[in-house]
Amino acid sequence: MENDGVVVRVLLIDDVITAGTAITEAMHILTVAKANVVGVVISLDRQEKASVTDSRSAIQVVEASFQIPVVSIANLNSLVRLLEDQGASSSGLSADDRQTYVTTIKQYRADYGVQG
């Protein structure tokens, strides 16, 4: 994307990445507009497999497909650690509620998450 001959550099920012669909769509739009996308920042990486047939994470697929770095502020692993480490008073959740969330997230990660 040029403005009076100046190349516009774009940093994509998204709230969460699951399969990378929103980023892929944005990249196509920005590519048509001739923007220079220099990277992506995600607030939460759900650490999911890109698809049933692709065991890479969505972040790995986006990085490989568009040759740009993707960084996340937090991921599912850090969320689990936070819930496990926090006392009930600091999280506002009862110990039972925290344990329920941790168990549910771990099962979700086992079903849909990338290994490692």
C-alpha atoms as a PDB file:
ATOM      1  CA  MET A   1       0.000   0.000   0.000  1.00  0.00           C
ATOM      2  CA  GLU A   2       1.533   3.270  -1.050  1.00  0.00           C
ATOM      3  CA  ASN A   3       0.647   6.770  -0.071  1.00  0.00           C
ATOM      4  CA  ASP A   4       2.478   9.286  -2.253  1.00  0.00           C
ATOM      5  CA  GLY A   5       5.209   6.724  -2.940  1.00  0.00           C
ATOM      6  CA  VAL A   6       5.600   5.703   0.701  1.00  0.00           C
ATOM      7  CA  VAL A   7       5.184   2.000   1.433  1.00  0.00           C
ATOM      8  CA  VAL A   8       2.727   1.432   4.271  1.00  0.00           C
ATOM      9  CA  ARG A   9       3.824  -1.171   6.808  1.00  0.00           C
ATOM     10  CA  VAL A  10       1.007  -2.962   8.643  1.00  0.00           C
ATOM     11  CA  LEU A  11       1.025  -4.858  11.923  1.00  0.00           C
ATOM     12  CA  LEU A  12      -2.094  -7.014  12.239  1.00  0.00           C
ATOM     13  CA  ILE A  13      -3.567  -7.267  15.726  1.00  0.00           C
ATOM     14  CA  ASP A  14      -6.197  -9.875  16.600  1.00  0.00           C
ATOM     15  CA  ASP A  15      -7.839 -11.004  19.810  1.00  0.00           C
ATOM     16  CA  VAL A  16      -7.526 -14.771  19.404  1.00  0.00           C
ATOM     17  CA  ILE A  17      -6.221 -17.283  16.900  1.00  0.00           C
ATOM     18  CA  THR A  18      -7.958 -20.601  16.413  1.00  0.00           C
ATOM     19  CA  ALA A  19      -7.498 -21.804  12.839  1.00  0.00           C
ATOM     20  CA  GLY A  20      -6.011 -18.582  11.437  1.00  0.00           C
ATOM     21  CA  THR A  21      -8.969 -17.921   9.138  1.00  0.00           C
ATOM     22  CA  ALA A  22      -9.410 -14.240  10.035  1.00  0.00           C
ATOM     23  CA  ILE A  23      -5.703 -13.543   9.573  1.00  0.00           C
ATOM     24  CA  THR A  24      -5.647 -15.350   6.229  1.00  0.00           C
ATOM     25  CA  GLU A  25      -8.622 -13.313   5.007  1.00  0.00           C
ATOM     26  CA  ALA A  26      -7.039 -10.061   6.203  1.00  0.00           C
ATOM     27  CA  MET A  27      -3.752 -10.982   4.514  1.00  0.00           C
ATOM     28  CA  HIS A  28      -5.503 -11.505   1.184  1.00  0.00           C
ATOM     29  CA  ILE A  29      -7.240  -8.124   1.439  1.00  0.00           C
ATOM     30  CA  LEU A  30      -4.008  -6.372   2.413  1.00  0.00           C
ATOM     31  CA  THR A  31      -2.042  -8.136  -0.328  1.00  0.00           C
ATOM     32  CA  VAL A  32      -4.502  -6.875  -2.943  1.00  0.00           C
ATOM     33  CA  ALA A  33      -4.077  -3.388  -1.460  1.00  0.00           C
ATOM     34  CA  LYS A  34      -0.286  -3.846  -1.768  1.00  0.00           C
ATOM     35  CA  ALA A  35       0.266  -3.360   1.960  1.00  0.00           C
ATOM     36  CA  ASN A  36       3.479  -4.615   3.524  1.00  0.00           C
ATOM     37  CA  VAL A  37       2.331  -6.743   6.469  1.00  0.00           C
ATOM     38  CA  VAL A  38       5.295  -7.046   8.833  1.00  0.00           C
ATOM     39  CA  GLY A  39       3.793  -9.267  11.521  1.00  0.00           C
ATOM     40  CA  VAL A  40       0.842 -10.326  13.611  1.00  0.00           C
ATOM     41  CA  VAL A  41       0.155  -9.898  17.332  1.00  0.00           C
ATOM     42  CA  ILE A  42      -2.432 -12.144  18.975  1.00  0.00           C
ATOM     43  CA  SER A  43      -3.752 -11.651  22.495  1.00  0.00           C
ATOM     44  CA  LEU A  44      -4.558 -15.379  23.026  1.00  0.00           C
ATOM     45  CA  ASP A  45      -3.170 -18.325  21.099  1.00  0.00           C
ATOM     46  CA  ARG A  46      -5.534 -21.246  21.640  1.00  0.00           C
ATOM     47  CA  GLN A  47      -2.709 -23.546  20.449  1.00  0.00           C
ATOM     48  CA  GLU A  48      -5.031 -25.522  18.217  1.00  0.00           C
ATOM     49  CA  LYS A  49      -4.087 -27.729  15.318  1.00  0.00           C
ATOM     50  CA  ALA A  50      -4.539 -25.887  12.049  1.00  0.00           C
ATOM     51  CA  SER A  51      -6.874 -28.608  10.785  1.00  0.00           C
ATOM     52  CA  VAL A  52      -7.742 -32.262  11.159  1.00  0.00           C
ATOM     53  CA  THR A  53      -5.112 -33.124   8.546  1.00  0.00           C
ATOM     54  CA  ASP A  54      -2.423 -30.633   9.665  1.00  0.00           C
ATOM     55  CA  SER A  55      -0.831 -31.095  13.089  1.00  0.00           C
ATOM     56  CA  ARG A  56       0.912 -27.705  12.982  1.00  0.00           C
ATOM     57  CA  SER A  57      -0.509 -24.859  15.036  1.00  0.00           C
ATOM     58  CA  ALA A  58      -2.444 -22.089  13.338  1.00  0.00           C
ATOM     59  CA  ILE A  59       0.426 -19.722  14.162  1.00  0.00           C
ATOM     60  CA  GLN A  60       2.926 -22.032  12.449  1.00  0.00           C
ATOM     61  CA  VAL A  61       0.728 -22.179   9.343  1.00  0.00           C
ATOM     62  CA  VAL A  62       0.326 -18.389   9.180  1.00  0.00           C
ATOM     63  CA  GLU A  63       4.070 -17.848   9.661  1.00  0.00           C
ATOM     64  CA  ALA A  64       4.917 -20.372   6.941  1.00  0.00           C
ATOM     65  CA  SER A  65       2.217 -19.226   4.522  1.00  0.00           C
ATOM     66  CA  PHE A  66       2.991 -15.514   4.686  1.00  0.00           C
ATOM     67  CA  GLN A  67       6.624 -15.483   5.855  1.00  0.00           C
ATOM     68  CA  ILE A  68       5.853 -13.124   8.752  1.00  0.00           C
ATOM     69  CA  PRO A  69       6.330 -13.458  12.508  1.00  0.00           C
ATOM     70  CA  VAL A  70       3.302 -14.107  14.716  1.00  0.00           C
ATOM     71  CA  VAL A  71       3.565 -13.488  18.451  1.00  0.00           C
ATOM     72  CA  SER A  72       0.994 -13.993  21.170  1.00  0.00           C
ATOM     73  CA  ILE A  73       0.635 -12.219  24.484  1.00  0.00           C
ATOM     74  CA  ALA A  74      -0.757 -15.353  26.154  1.00  0.00           C
ATOM     75  CA  ASN A  75      -1.588 -18.910  25.194  1.00  0.00           C
ATOM     76  CA  LEU A  76      -3.658 -21.780  26.507  1.00  0.00           C
ATOM     77  CA  ASN A  77      -0.715 -23.146  28.507  1.00  0.00           C
ATOM     78  CA  SER A  78      -0.190 -19.823  30.303  1.00  0.00           C
ATOM     79  CA  LEU A  79      -3.918 -19.595  31.028  1.00  0.00           C
ATOM     80  CA  VAL A  80      -3.874 -23.055  32.620  1.00  0.00           C
ATOM     81  CA  ARG A  81      -0.792 -22.152  34.688  1.00  0.00           C
ATOM     82  CA  LEU A  82      -2.469 -18.954  35.868  1.00  0.00           C
ATOM     83  CA  LEU A  83      -5.612 -20.801  36.931  1.00  0.00           C
ATOM     84  CA  GLU A  84      -3.593 -23.511  38.679  1.00  0.00           C
ATOM     85  CA  ASP A  85      -1.305 -21.054  40.489  1.00  0.00           C
ATOM     86  CA  GLN A  86      -3.811 -18.424  41.592  1.00  0.00           C
ATOM     87  CA  GLY A  87      -5.413 -18.548  44.994  1.00  0.00           C
ATOM     88  CA  ALA A  88      -9.185 -18.376  45.052  1.00  0.00           C
ATOM     89  CA  SER A  89      -9.149 -14.860  46.507  1.00  0.00           C
ATOM     90  CA  SER A  90      -6.978 -13.378  43.752  1.00  0.00           C
ATOM     91  CA  SER A  91      -8.928 -14.918  40.871  1.00  0.00           C
ATOM     92  CA  GLY A  92     -12.429 -14.332  42.197  1.00  0.00           C
ATOM     93  CA  LEU A  93     -13.200 -18.009  41.549  1.00  0.00           C
ATOM     94  CA  SER A  94     -13.694 -20.782  44.046  1.00  0.00           C
ATOM     95  CA  ALA A  95     -11.121 -23.566  44.063  1.00  0.00           C
ATOM     96  CA  ASP A  96     -13.770 -25.924  42.658  1.00  0.00           C
ATOM     97  CA  ASP A  97     -14.592 -23.531  39.798  1.00  0.00           C
ATOM     98  CA  ARG A  98     -10.904 -23.072  38.969  1.00  0.00           C
ATOM     99  CA  GLN A  99     -10.390 -26.835  38.934  1.00  0.00           C
ATOM    100  CA  THR A 100     -13.426 -27.294  36.684  1.00  0.00           C
ATOM    101  CA  TYR A 101     -12.044 -24.725  34.225  1.00  0.00           C
ATOM    102  CA  VAL A 102      -8.571 -26.287  34.283  1.00  0.00           C
ATOM    103  CA  THR A 103      -9.975 -29.772  33.667  1.00  0.00           C
ATOM    104  CA  THR A 104     -12.173 -28.527  30.811  1.00  0.00           C
ATOM    105  CA  ILE A 105      -9.324 -26.603  29.172  1.00  0.00           C
ATOM    106  CA  LYS A 106      -6.951 -29.561  29.464  1.00  0.00           C
ATOM    107  CA  GLN A 107      -9.498 -31.864  27.828  1.00  0.00           C
ATOM    108  CA  TYR A 108     -10.058 -29.312  25.052  1.00  0.00           C
ATOM    109  CA  ARG A 109      -6.285 -29.076  24.545  1.00  0.00           C
ATOM    110  CA  ALA A 110      -5.987 -32.888  24.415  1.00  0.00           C
ATOM    111  CA  ASP A 111      -8.739 -33.065  21.780  1.00  0.00           C
ATOM    112  CA  TYR A 112      -7.788 -30.116  19.561  1.00  0.00           C
ATOM    113  CA  GLY A 113      -4.398 -28.796  20.638  1.00  0.00           C
ATOM    114  CA  VAL A 114      -0.974 -29.127  19.125  1.00  0.00           C
ATOM    115  CA  GLN A 115       1.460 -31.415  20.890  1.00  0.00           C
ATOM    116  CA  GLY A 116       4.399 -29.995  22.777  1.00  0.00           C
END
